[in-house]
């Protein structure tokens, strides 16, 4: 493993890691075909690795009322682009492409969701996510009404805000460590496997 994945120490081999973390990383490698660099970077601090991925999975794998996986990933991409986190834009952009089956959407959302060819629902969702996640906004009656009008529930609104907030932290950790995106992410959802 390469030390250039982080400014902080990373394991030389997976055998150095606690068994539970090694098993998580091996399961991701089995599914994706590679180990995402962020897993190795965060393994530097095992307790934080566990907490980070437990909350990540609770947010991103939770069945939402109407919020889809593609929509959650759009929130991640828009927030990460605003926070200038290349790793998360590239990695989660791949997931936007896969879940939406649209090879252009992630790039359009990352650059400027206001001009992207997306629905009013998605535009309001991303406006709100950026307001909460990067402008220290708060949920008020006006925002709640706007989000309800385009079909989001109160639980969806929680999810949008929580995803934006969590990935704001994630963006800052990845920028702190200098972790680059894996090359594999760039092609995912663009070319057939």
N, C-alpha and C. Protein backbone atom coordinates (compact mmCIF):
# COMPACT_ATOMS: atom_id res chain seq x y z
N UNK A 1 0.84 -1.18 0.00
CA UNK A 1 0.00 0.00 0.00
C UNK A 1 0.89 1.24 0.00
N UNK A 2 0.41 2.29 -0.64
CA UNK A 2 1.22 3.47 -0.84
C UNK A 2 0.95 4.53 0.23
N UNK A 3 2.04 5.09 0.76
CA UNK A 3 1.91 6.15 1.75
C UNK A 3 1.37 7.43 1.12
N UNK A 4 1.38 7.53 -0.21
CA UNK A 4 0.88 8.74 -0.87
C UNK A 4 -0.64 8.84 -0.81
N UNK A 5 -1.29 7.87 -0.22
CA UNK A 5 -2.74 7.93 -0.07
C UNK A 5 -3.17 8.86 1.05
N UNK A 6 -2.24 9.22 1.91
CA UNK A 6 -2.58 10.07 3.05
C UNK A 6 -1.32 10.72 3.59
N UNK A 7 -1.49 11.90 4.16
CA UNK A 7 -0.38 12.54 4.86
C UNK A 7 -0.14 11.86 6.21
N UNK A 8 -1.04 11.00 6.60
CA UNK A 8 -0.95 10.29 7.87
C UNK A 8 -0.64 8.82 7.60
N UNK A 9 -0.15 8.10 8.59
CA UNK A 9 0.20 6.69 8.37
C UNK A 9 -1.02 5.86 7.94
N UNK A 10 -0.78 4.96 7.02
CA UNK A 10 -1.79 3.98 6.64
C UNK A 10 -1.15 2.61 6.81
N UNK A 11 -1.98 1.58 6.94
CA UNK A 11 -1.40 0.25 7.16
C UNK A 11 -0.60 -0.22 5.94
N UNK A 12 0.51 -0.88 6.22
CA UNK A 12 1.31 -1.46 5.13
C UNK A 12 0.57 -2.63 4.49
N UNK A 13 -0.12 -3.40 5.35
CA UNK A 13 -0.93 -4.52 4.86
C UNK A 13 -2.23 -4.55 5.67
N UNK A 14 -3.23 -5.19 5.11
CA UNK A 14 -4.49 -5.32 5.84
C UNK A 14 -4.35 -6.18 7.08
N UNK A 15 -3.34 -7.03 7.12
CA UNK A 15 -3.12 -7.88 8.29
C UNK A 15 -2.82 -7.07 9.55
N UNK A 16 -2.37 -5.83 9.40
CA UNK A 16 -2.07 -4.97 10.55
C UNK A 16 -3.33 -4.44 11.23
N UNK A 17 -4.46 -4.56 10.57
CA UNK A 17 -5.69 -3.94 11.07
C UNK A 17 -6.45 -4.87 12.01
N UNK A 18 -7.27 -4.28 12.89
CA UNK A 18 -8.17 -5.12 13.69
C UNK A 18 -9.05 -5.94 12.75
N UNK A 19 -9.41 -7.12 13.21
CA UNK A 19 -10.14 -8.06 12.35
C UNK A 19 -11.44 -7.48 11.79
N UNK A 20 -12.20 -6.76 12.61
CA UNK A 20 -13.48 -6.22 12.12
C UNK A 20 -13.27 -5.21 10.99
N UNK A 21 -12.24 -4.38 11.10
CA UNK A 21 -11.96 -3.39 10.06
C UNK A 21 -11.43 -4.08 8.81
N UNK A 22 -10.55 -5.04 9.01
CA UNK A 22 -10.04 -5.82 7.86
C UNK A 22 -11.20 -6.48 7.12
N UNK A 23 -12.16 -7.04 7.85
CA UNK A 23 -13.31 -7.70 7.21
C UNK A 23 -14.18 -6.70 6.44
N UNK A 24 -14.36 -5.50 6.99
CA UNK A 24 -15.12 -4.46 6.27
C UNK A 24 -14.42 -4.11 4.96
N UNK A 25 -13.12 -3.89 5.03
CA UNK A 25 -12.36 -3.52 3.84
C UNK A 25 -12.37 -4.64 2.81
N UNK A 26 -12.21 -5.88 3.25
CA UNK A 26 -12.24 -7.01 2.31
C UNK A 26 -13.62 -7.16 1.66
N UNK A 27 -14.67 -6.90 2.41
CA UNK A 27 -16.03 -6.98 1.84
C UNK A 27 -16.23 -5.91 0.78
N UNK A 28 -15.73 -4.70 1.04
CA UNK A 28 -15.83 -3.62 0.05
C UNK A 28 -15.00 -3.97 -1.18
N UNK A 29 -13.82 -4.51 -0.97
CA UNK A 29 -12.96 -4.90 -2.09
C UNK A 29 -13.64 -5.98 -2.95
N UNK A 30 -14.29 -6.93 -2.29
CA UNK A 30 -15.00 -7.99 -3.01
C UNK A 30 -16.11 -7.41 -3.88
N UNK A 31 -16.84 -6.46 -3.33
CA UNK A 31 -17.98 -5.87 -4.05
C UNK A 31 -17.52 -4.92 -5.16
N UNK A 32 -16.56 -4.05 -4.86
CA UNK A 32 -16.15 -3.01 -5.80
C UNK A 32 -15.05 -3.48 -6.75
N UNK A 33 -14.27 -4.45 -6.33
CA UNK A 33 -13.14 -4.88 -7.15
C UNK A 33 -11.85 -4.14 -6.79
N UNK A 34 -11.91 -3.24 -5.84
CA UNK A 34 -10.74 -2.49 -5.38
C UNK A 34 -11.06 -1.94 -3.98
N UNK A 35 -10.03 -1.46 -3.30
CA UNK A 35 -10.23 -0.87 -1.98
C UNK A 35 -10.24 0.65 -2.13
N UNK A 36 -11.36 1.30 -1.85
CA UNK A 36 -11.37 2.76 -1.91
C UNK A 36 -10.34 3.34 -0.93
N UNK A 37 -9.58 4.31 -1.41
CA UNK A 37 -8.49 4.88 -0.61
C UNK A 37 -8.95 5.40 0.75
N UNK A 38 -10.15 5.93 0.83
CA UNK A 38 -10.61 6.50 2.09
C UNK A 38 -10.68 5.45 3.19
N UNK A 39 -10.93 4.20 2.84
CA UNK A 39 -10.97 3.15 3.86
C UNK A 39 -9.59 2.97 4.48
N UNK A 40 -8.55 3.01 3.66
CA UNK A 40 -7.20 2.85 4.17
C UNK A 40 -6.78 4.07 4.99
N UNK A 41 -7.17 5.24 4.51
CA UNK A 41 -6.84 6.46 5.24
C UNK A 41 -7.49 6.47 6.62
N UNK A 42 -8.77 6.17 6.68
CA UNK A 42 -9.48 6.22 7.96
C UNK A 42 -9.09 5.08 8.90
N UNK A 43 -8.50 4.02 8.36
CA UNK A 43 -8.04 2.91 9.21
C UNK A 43 -6.93 3.35 10.15
N UNK A 44 -6.36 4.52 9.90
CA UNK A 44 -5.33 5.10 10.77
C UNK A 44 -5.84 5.20 12.22
N UNK A 45 -7.15 5.42 12.36
CA UNK A 45 -7.74 5.53 13.69
C UNK A 45 -8.94 4.59 13.76
N UNK A 46 -8.73 3.37 14.23
CA UNK A 46 -9.77 2.34 14.18
C UNK A 46 -11.11 2.73 14.82
N UNK A 47 -11.09 3.38 15.98
CA UNK A 47 -12.36 3.76 16.61
C UNK A 47 -13.13 4.76 15.74
N UNK A 48 -12.42 5.70 15.17
CA UNK A 48 -13.06 6.69 14.30
C UNK A 48 -13.53 6.05 12.99
N UNK A 49 -12.77 5.09 12.47
CA UNK A 49 -13.19 4.33 11.29
C UNK A 49 -14.55 3.69 11.55
N UNK A 50 -14.65 3.00 12.68
CA UNK A 50 -15.90 2.31 13.02
C UNK A 50 -17.06 3.30 13.14
N UNK A 51 -16.84 4.39 13.83
CA UNK A 51 -17.90 5.38 14.03
C UNK A 51 -18.28 6.04 12.70
N UNK A 52 -17.30 6.38 11.90
CA UNK A 52 -17.54 7.02 10.60
C UNK A 52 -18.40 6.13 9.72
N UNK A 53 -18.00 4.89 9.55
CA UNK A 53 -18.73 4.01 8.64
C UNK A 53 -20.06 3.54 9.21
N UNK A 54 -20.17 3.48 10.54
CA UNK A 54 -21.48 3.16 11.12
C UNK A 54 -22.48 4.26 10.80
N UNK A 55 -22.06 5.52 10.95
CA UNK A 55 -22.97 6.63 10.64
C UNK A 55 -23.20 6.74 9.14
N UNK A 56 -22.14 6.57 8.36
CA UNK A 56 -22.28 6.58 6.89
C UNK A 56 -23.33 5.57 6.46
N UNK A 57 -23.20 4.35 6.94
CA UNK A 57 -24.13 3.30 6.52
C UNK A 57 -25.54 3.57 7.03
N UNK A 58 -25.65 4.10 8.25
CA UNK A 58 -26.98 4.42 8.78
C UNK A 58 -27.68 5.45 7.91
N UNK A 59 -26.94 6.42 7.41
CA UNK A 59 -27.52 7.46 6.54
C UNK A 59 -27.76 6.97 5.11
N UNK A 60 -26.75 6.39 4.54
CA UNK A 60 -26.78 6.13 3.10
C UNK A 60 -27.52 4.84 2.74
N UNK A 61 -27.59 3.90 3.66
CA UNK A 61 -28.27 2.64 3.37
C UNK A 61 -29.69 2.59 3.94
N UNK A 62 -30.06 3.58 4.72
CA UNK A 62 -31.39 3.64 5.31
C UNK A 62 -32.43 3.83 4.22
N UNK A 63 -33.50 3.09 4.31
CA UNK A 63 -34.62 3.27 3.40
C UNK A 63 -35.32 4.57 3.77
N UNK A 64 -35.41 5.48 2.84
CA UNK A 64 -36.06 6.77 3.08
C UNK A 64 -37.49 6.72 2.58
N UNK A 65 -38.29 7.68 3.02
CA UNK A 65 -39.68 7.74 2.60
C UNK A 65 -39.79 7.85 1.08
N UNK A 66 -39.18 8.85 0.49
CA UNK A 66 -39.22 9.01 -0.97
C UNK A 66 -37.86 9.32 -1.56
N UNK A 67 -36.88 9.58 -0.72
CA UNK A 67 -35.54 9.96 -1.17
C UNK A 67 -34.80 8.72 -1.69
N UNK A 68 -34.36 8.77 -2.93
CA UNK A 68 -33.70 7.62 -3.54
C UNK A 68 -32.20 7.63 -3.26
N UNK A 69 -31.55 6.51 -3.53
CA UNK A 69 -30.08 6.44 -3.39
C UNK A 69 -29.42 7.45 -4.31
N UNK A 70 -29.93 7.59 -5.53
CA UNK A 70 -29.35 8.55 -6.48
C UNK A 70 -29.47 9.97 -5.93
N UNK A 71 -30.61 10.29 -5.31
CA UNK A 71 -30.79 11.63 -4.76
C UNK A 71 -29.84 11.88 -3.59
N UNK A 72 -29.67 10.89 -2.72
CA UNK A 72 -28.72 11.05 -1.62
C UNK A 72 -27.31 11.31 -2.17
N UNK A 73 -26.95 10.56 -3.20
CA UNK A 73 -25.61 10.73 -3.77
C UNK A 73 -25.48 12.09 -4.48
N UNK A 74 -26.57 12.61 -5.05
CA UNK A 74 -26.54 13.95 -5.63
C UNK A 74 -26.24 14.98 -4.54
N UNK A 75 -26.83 14.79 -3.36
CA UNK A 75 -26.54 15.68 -2.22
C UNK A 75 -25.06 15.61 -1.88
N UNK A 76 -24.50 14.41 -1.85
CA UNK A 76 -23.08 14.25 -1.54
C UNK A 76 -22.23 14.99 -2.57
N UNK A 77 -22.54 14.81 -3.85
CA UNK A 77 -21.73 15.42 -4.91
C UNK A 77 -21.81 16.95 -4.85
N UNK A 78 -23.01 17.50 -4.70
CA UNK A 78 -23.16 18.96 -4.65
C UNK A 78 -22.43 19.53 -3.43
N UNK A 79 -22.60 18.90 -2.28
CA UNK A 79 -21.94 19.37 -1.06
C UNK A 79 -20.43 19.26 -1.19
N UNK A 80 -19.97 18.14 -1.71
CA UNK A 80 -18.53 17.91 -1.84
C UNK A 80 -17.89 18.86 -2.85
N UNK A 81 -18.61 19.17 -3.91
CA UNK A 81 -18.09 20.12 -4.89
C UNK A 81 -17.95 21.50 -4.25
N UNK A 82 -18.95 21.90 -3.49
CA UNK A 82 -18.90 23.21 -2.82
C UNK A 82 -17.74 23.24 -1.83
N UNK A 83 -17.45 22.10 -1.20
CA UNK A 83 -16.35 22.02 -0.23
C UNK A 83 -15.01 21.68 -0.88
N UNK A 84 -14.99 21.62 -2.19
CA UNK A 84 -13.76 21.35 -2.97
C UNK A 84 -13.08 20.05 -2.56
N UNK A 85 -13.88 19.01 -2.42
CA UNK A 85 -13.36 17.70 -2.06
C UNK A 85 -13.37 16.81 -3.30
N UNK A 86 -12.23 16.73 -3.96
CA UNK A 86 -12.12 15.95 -5.19
C UNK A 86 -12.47 14.49 -4.95
N UNK A 87 -11.95 13.92 -3.85
CA UNK A 87 -12.21 12.50 -3.59
C UNK A 87 -13.71 12.21 -3.60
N UNK A 88 -14.48 12.97 -2.82
CA UNK A 88 -15.90 12.67 -2.69
C UNK A 88 -16.69 13.00 -3.95
N UNK A 89 -16.29 14.04 -4.67
CA UNK A 89 -16.97 14.34 -5.94
C UNK A 89 -16.77 13.18 -6.91
N UNK A 90 -15.55 12.68 -7.00
CA UNK A 90 -15.26 11.61 -7.96
C UNK A 90 -15.89 10.29 -7.50
N UNK A 91 -15.69 9.92 -6.24
CA UNK A 91 -16.21 8.63 -5.75
C UNK A 91 -17.73 8.61 -5.75
N UNK A 92 -18.35 9.64 -5.24
CA UNK A 92 -19.81 9.65 -5.15
C UNK A 92 -20.44 10.05 -6.48
N UNK A 93 -19.68 10.74 -7.32
CA UNK A 93 -20.13 10.97 -8.69
C UNK A 93 -20.32 9.66 -9.42
N UNK A 94 -19.43 8.71 -9.15
CA UNK A 94 -19.57 7.38 -9.75
C UNK A 94 -20.88 6.74 -9.31
N UNK A 95 -21.23 6.90 -8.05
CA UNK A 95 -22.47 6.32 -7.55
C UNK A 95 -23.70 7.04 -8.12
N UNK A 96 -23.62 8.36 -8.31
CA UNK A 96 -24.71 9.07 -8.98
C UNK A 96 -24.92 8.49 -10.37
N UNK A 97 -23.84 8.31 -11.10
CA UNK A 97 -23.95 7.76 -12.46
C UNK A 97 -24.56 6.37 -12.45
N UNK A 98 -24.14 5.54 -11.51
CA UNK A 98 -24.65 4.17 -11.44
C UNK A 98 -26.12 4.14 -11.05
N UNK A 99 -26.47 4.84 -9.98
CA UNK A 99 -27.85 4.80 -9.49
C UNK A 99 -28.83 5.50 -10.42
N UNK A 100 -28.39 6.59 -11.05
CA UNK A 100 -29.30 7.34 -11.93
C UNK A 100 -29.29 6.79 -13.37
N UNK A 101 -28.27 5.99 -13.67
CA UNK A 101 -28.07 5.48 -15.03
C UNK A 101 -27.91 6.63 -16.03
N UNK A 102 -27.32 7.73 -15.55
CA UNK A 102 -27.07 8.92 -16.37
C UNK A 102 -25.58 9.26 -16.27
N UNK A 103 -24.80 9.03 -17.33
CA UNK A 103 -23.36 9.25 -17.25
C UNK A 103 -22.95 10.73 -17.16
N UNK A 104 -23.88 11.66 -17.35
CA UNK A 104 -23.54 13.08 -17.33
C UNK A 104 -23.96 13.80 -16.05
N UNK A 105 -24.92 13.25 -15.34
CA UNK A 105 -25.56 13.93 -14.22
C UNK A 105 -24.59 14.38 -13.14
N UNK A 106 -23.70 13.53 -12.71
CA UNK A 106 -22.81 13.87 -11.59
C UNK A 106 -21.94 15.08 -11.92
N UNK A 107 -21.41 15.12 -13.11
CA UNK A 107 -20.57 16.26 -13.49
C UNK A 107 -21.37 17.55 -13.53
N UNK A 108 -22.59 17.47 -14.04
CA UNK A 108 -23.45 18.65 -14.12
C UNK A 108 -23.82 19.16 -12.73
N UNK A 109 -24.13 18.24 -11.82
CA UNK A 109 -24.46 18.62 -10.45
C UNK A 109 -23.24 19.20 -9.74
N UNK A 110 -22.08 18.61 -9.97
CA UNK A 110 -20.86 19.08 -9.30
C UNK A 110 -20.48 20.49 -9.73
N UNK A 111 -20.65 20.79 -11.00
CA UNK A 111 -20.25 22.10 -11.50
C UNK A 111 -21.26 23.17 -11.10
N UNK A 112 -22.54 22.92 -11.38
CA UNK A 112 -23.57 23.91 -11.05
C UNK A 112 -24.94 23.26 -11.16
N UNK A 113 -25.48 22.85 -10.05
CA UNK A 113 -26.79 22.18 -10.08
C UNK A 113 -27.89 23.13 -10.54
N UNK A 114 -27.66 24.44 -10.43
CA UNK A 114 -28.67 25.41 -10.85
C UNK A 114 -28.85 25.43 -12.37
N UNK A 115 -27.82 25.04 -13.11
CA UNK A 115 -27.94 25.00 -14.58
C UNK A 115 -28.03 23.57 -15.12
N UNK A 116 -27.93 22.60 -14.24
CA UNK A 116 -28.00 21.20 -14.67
C UNK A 116 -29.43 20.87 -15.12
N UNK A 117 -29.58 19.95 -16.05
CA UNK A 117 -30.92 19.55 -16.50
C UNK A 117 -31.57 18.58 -15.51
N UNK A 118 -31.98 19.12 -14.36
CA UNK A 118 -32.59 18.32 -13.32
C UNK A 118 -33.99 18.86 -13.03
N UNK A 119 -34.76 18.08 -12.31
CA UNK A 119 -36.13 18.47 -11.98
C UNK A 119 -36.14 19.58 -10.92
N UNK A 120 -37.28 20.23 -10.79
CA UNK A 120 -37.44 21.24 -9.74
C UNK A 120 -37.27 20.60 -8.37
N UNK A 121 -37.74 19.37 -8.21
CA UNK A 121 -37.56 18.62 -6.96
C UNK A 121 -36.07 18.54 -6.61
N UNK A 122 -35.27 18.15 -7.59
CA UNK A 122 -33.84 18.01 -7.34
C UNK A 122 -33.16 19.36 -7.11
N UNK A 123 -33.59 20.37 -7.82
CA UNK A 123 -33.01 21.70 -7.64
C UNK A 123 -33.27 22.21 -6.21
N UNK A 124 -34.50 22.07 -5.75
CA UNK A 124 -34.83 22.50 -4.39
C UNK A 124 -34.08 21.66 -3.35
N UNK A 125 -34.00 20.35 -3.59
CA UNK A 125 -33.28 19.46 -2.68
C UNK A 125 -31.82 19.91 -2.55
N UNK A 126 -31.18 20.20 -3.67
CA UNK A 126 -29.77 20.58 -3.64
C UNK A 126 -29.57 21.99 -3.09
N UNK A 127 -30.50 22.90 -3.41
CA UNK A 127 -30.44 24.23 -2.80
C UNK A 127 -30.48 24.11 -1.28
N UNK A 128 -31.40 23.29 -0.78
CA UNK A 128 -31.54 23.10 0.66
C UNK A 128 -30.30 22.43 1.25
N UNK A 129 -29.79 21.40 0.59
CA UNK A 129 -28.61 20.70 1.09
C UNK A 129 -27.42 21.65 1.23
N UNK A 130 -27.22 22.50 0.23
CA UNK A 130 -26.11 23.45 0.30
C UNK A 130 -26.36 24.53 1.35
N UNK A 131 -27.60 24.94 1.49
CA UNK A 131 -27.97 25.92 2.52
C UNK A 131 -27.66 25.37 3.91
N UNK A 132 -28.05 24.13 4.15
CA UNK A 132 -27.81 23.50 5.44
C UNK A 132 -26.33 23.14 5.61
N UNK A 133 -25.76 22.53 4.59
CA UNK A 133 -24.43 21.95 4.70
C UNK A 133 -23.27 22.90 4.55
N UNK A 134 -23.46 24.01 3.84
CA UNK A 134 -22.31 24.89 3.61
C UNK A 134 -22.58 26.34 4.01
N UNK A 135 -23.83 26.69 4.24
CA UNK A 135 -24.15 28.07 4.60
C UNK A 135 -24.66 28.18 6.04
N UNK A 136 -24.55 27.12 6.81
CA UNK A 136 -25.01 27.07 8.20
C UNK A 136 -26.48 27.50 8.33
N UNK A 137 -27.28 27.07 7.36
CA UNK A 137 -28.70 27.40 7.37
C UNK A 137 -29.45 26.58 8.40
N UNK A 138 -30.74 26.84 8.48
CA UNK A 138 -31.59 26.09 9.41
C UNK A 138 -32.92 25.81 8.73
N UNK A 139 -33.54 24.75 9.17
CA UNK A 139 -34.86 24.42 8.65
C UNK A 139 -35.87 25.40 9.25
N UNK A 140 -36.60 26.08 8.38
CA UNK A 140 -37.64 26.99 8.84
C UNK A 140 -38.93 26.65 8.10
N UNK A 141 -40.00 27.35 8.39
CA UNK A 141 -41.30 27.05 7.78
C UNK A 141 -41.26 27.19 6.26
N UNK A 142 -40.54 28.20 5.76
CA UNK A 142 -40.47 28.41 4.31
C UNK A 142 -39.79 27.23 3.61
N UNK A 143 -38.63 26.81 4.14
CA UNK A 143 -37.94 25.67 3.54
C UNK A 143 -38.78 24.40 3.64
N UNK A 144 -39.36 24.16 4.80
CA UNK A 144 -40.17 22.96 4.97
C UNK A 144 -41.31 22.95 3.96
N UNK A 145 -41.97 24.07 3.78
CA UNK A 145 -43.06 24.17 2.82
C UNK A 145 -42.58 23.90 1.40
N UNK A 146 -41.46 24.50 1.03
CA UNK A 146 -40.89 24.29 -0.32
C UNK A 146 -40.56 22.82 -0.56
N UNK A 147 -39.97 22.18 0.43
CA UNK A 147 -39.60 20.77 0.29
C UNK A 147 -40.83 19.87 0.26
N UNK A 148 -41.82 20.17 1.07
CA UNK A 148 -43.08 19.40 1.04
C UNK A 148 -43.75 19.54 -0.33
N UNK A 149 -43.73 20.73 -0.90
CA UNK A 149 -44.40 20.98 -2.19
C UNK A 149 -43.83 20.13 -3.32
N UNK A 150 -42.56 19.75 -3.23
CA UNK A 150 -41.97 18.91 -4.28
C UNK A 150 -41.90 17.44 -3.88
N UNK A 151 -42.63 17.08 -2.81
CA UNK A 151 -42.80 15.67 -2.50
C UNK A 151 -41.92 15.08 -1.43
N UNK A 152 -41.13 15.88 -0.74
CA UNK A 152 -40.31 15.33 0.34
C UNK A 152 -41.11 15.30 1.63
N UNK A 153 -40.82 14.30 2.47
CA UNK A 153 -41.44 14.19 3.78
C UNK A 153 -40.51 14.81 4.82
N UNK A 154 -41.00 14.92 6.04
CA UNK A 154 -40.16 15.45 7.12
C UNK A 154 -38.94 14.55 7.34
N UNK A 155 -39.13 13.23 7.24
CA UNK A 155 -37.99 12.31 7.39
C UNK A 155 -36.99 12.48 6.24
N UNK A 156 -37.48 12.73 5.03
CA UNK A 156 -36.59 12.99 3.90
C UNK A 156 -35.76 14.25 4.17
N UNK A 157 -36.40 15.27 4.73
CA UNK A 157 -35.71 16.53 5.02
C UNK A 157 -34.58 16.28 6.01
N UNK A 158 -34.85 15.45 7.01
CA UNK A 158 -33.79 15.06 7.96
C UNK A 158 -32.64 14.41 7.19
N UNK A 159 -32.98 13.47 6.31
CA UNK A 159 -31.94 12.75 5.56
C UNK A 159 -31.11 13.71 4.71
N UNK A 160 -31.75 14.62 4.01
CA UNK A 160 -31.03 15.57 3.16
C UNK A 160 -30.05 16.38 4.01
N UNK A 161 -30.52 16.91 5.14
CA UNK A 161 -29.66 17.70 6.02
C UNK A 161 -28.55 16.87 6.65
N UNK A 162 -28.88 15.66 7.07
CA UNK A 162 -27.88 14.79 7.70
C UNK A 162 -26.80 14.36 6.71
N UNK A 163 -27.20 14.04 5.49
CA UNK A 163 -26.22 13.66 4.47
C UNK A 163 -25.31 14.84 4.16
N UNK A 164 -25.88 16.02 3.98
CA UNK A 164 -25.07 17.22 3.71
C UNK A 164 -24.11 17.50 4.87
N UNK A 165 -24.60 17.38 6.09
CA UNK A 165 -23.75 17.63 7.26
C UNK A 165 -22.64 16.59 7.41
N UNK A 166 -23.00 15.33 7.26
CA UNK A 166 -22.01 14.27 7.41
C UNK A 166 -20.91 14.40 6.35
N UNK A 167 -21.31 14.67 5.12
CA UNK A 167 -20.29 14.76 4.07
C UNK A 167 -19.49 16.05 4.14
N UNK A 168 -20.02 17.08 4.80
CA UNK A 168 -19.19 18.24 5.08
C UNK A 168 -18.00 17.83 5.95
N UNK A 169 -18.27 17.00 6.97
CA UNK A 169 -17.19 16.49 7.81
C UNK A 169 -16.27 15.57 7.01
N UNK A 170 -16.85 14.68 6.24
CA UNK A 170 -16.07 13.76 5.43
C UNK A 170 -15.15 14.52 4.48
N UNK A 171 -15.69 15.55 3.82
CA UNK A 171 -14.89 16.36 2.89
C UNK A 171 -13.69 16.96 3.60
N UNK A 172 -13.90 17.45 4.79
CA UNK A 172 -12.81 18.08 5.51
C UNK A 172 -11.75 17.07 5.95
N UNK A 173 -12.19 15.86 6.33
CA UNK A 173 -11.21 14.82 6.68
C UNK A 173 -10.37 14.41 5.48
N UNK A 174 -11.03 14.23 4.34
CA UNK A 174 -10.30 13.81 3.14
C UNK A 174 -9.35 14.92 2.68
N UNK A 175 -9.80 16.17 2.78
CA UNK A 175 -8.91 17.28 2.42
C UNK A 175 -7.75 17.39 3.41
N UNK A 176 -8.00 17.12 4.69
CA UNK A 176 -6.95 17.12 5.71
C UNK A 176 -5.88 16.09 5.37
N UNK A 177 -6.32 14.90 4.99
CA UNK A 177 -5.38 13.80 4.78
C UNK A 177 -4.73 13.82 3.40
N UNK A 178 -5.31 14.56 2.47
CA UNK A 178 -4.77 14.60 1.11
C UNK A 178 -5.03 13.32 0.33
N UNK A 179 -6.10 12.63 0.65
CA UNK A 179 -6.40 11.34 0.02
C UNK A 179 -6.96 11.54 -1.39
N UNK A 180 -6.30 10.96 -2.40
CA UNK A 180 -6.78 11.10 -3.77
C UNK A 180 -7.85 10.05 -4.08
N UNK A 181 -8.70 10.34 -5.07
CA UNK A 181 -9.66 9.32 -5.50
C UNK A 181 -8.94 8.16 -6.20
N UNK A 182 -9.49 6.99 -6.07
CA UNK A 182 -8.96 5.84 -6.81
C UNK A 182 -9.24 6.07 -8.30
N UNK A 183 -8.31 5.69 -9.17
CA UNK A 183 -8.54 5.84 -10.61
C UNK A 183 -9.80 5.11 -11.09
N UNK A 184 -10.15 4.00 -10.45
CA UNK A 184 -11.31 3.22 -10.85
C UNK A 184 -12.61 4.02 -10.80
N UNK A 185 -12.70 4.96 -9.87
CA UNK A 185 -13.94 5.74 -9.72
C UNK A 185 -14.25 6.57 -10.96
N UNK A 186 -13.22 7.05 -11.65
CA UNK A 186 -13.43 7.95 -12.78
C UNK A 186 -14.26 7.33 -13.91
N UNK A 187 -14.12 6.03 -14.10
CA UNK A 187 -14.82 5.38 -15.22
C UNK A 187 -16.13 4.72 -14.81
N UNK A 188 -16.34 4.52 -13.52
CA UNK A 188 -17.54 3.83 -13.06
C UNK A 188 -18.79 4.59 -13.52
N UNK A 189 -19.72 3.86 -14.11
CA UNK A 189 -20.96 4.45 -14.56
C UNK A 189 -20.85 5.21 -15.88
N UNK A 190 -19.64 5.23 -16.46
CA UNK A 190 -19.43 5.89 -17.75
C UNK A 190 -19.28 4.87 -18.87
N UNK A 191 -18.60 3.77 -18.52
CA UNK A 191 -18.36 2.72 -19.52
C UNK A 191 -18.88 1.39 -18.96
N UNK A 192 -19.35 0.52 -19.83
CA UNK A 192 -19.85 -0.79 -19.33
C UNK A 192 -18.75 -1.55 -18.62
N UNK A 193 -19.14 -2.29 -17.60
CA UNK A 193 -18.18 -3.11 -16.85
C UNK A 193 -17.78 -4.33 -17.61
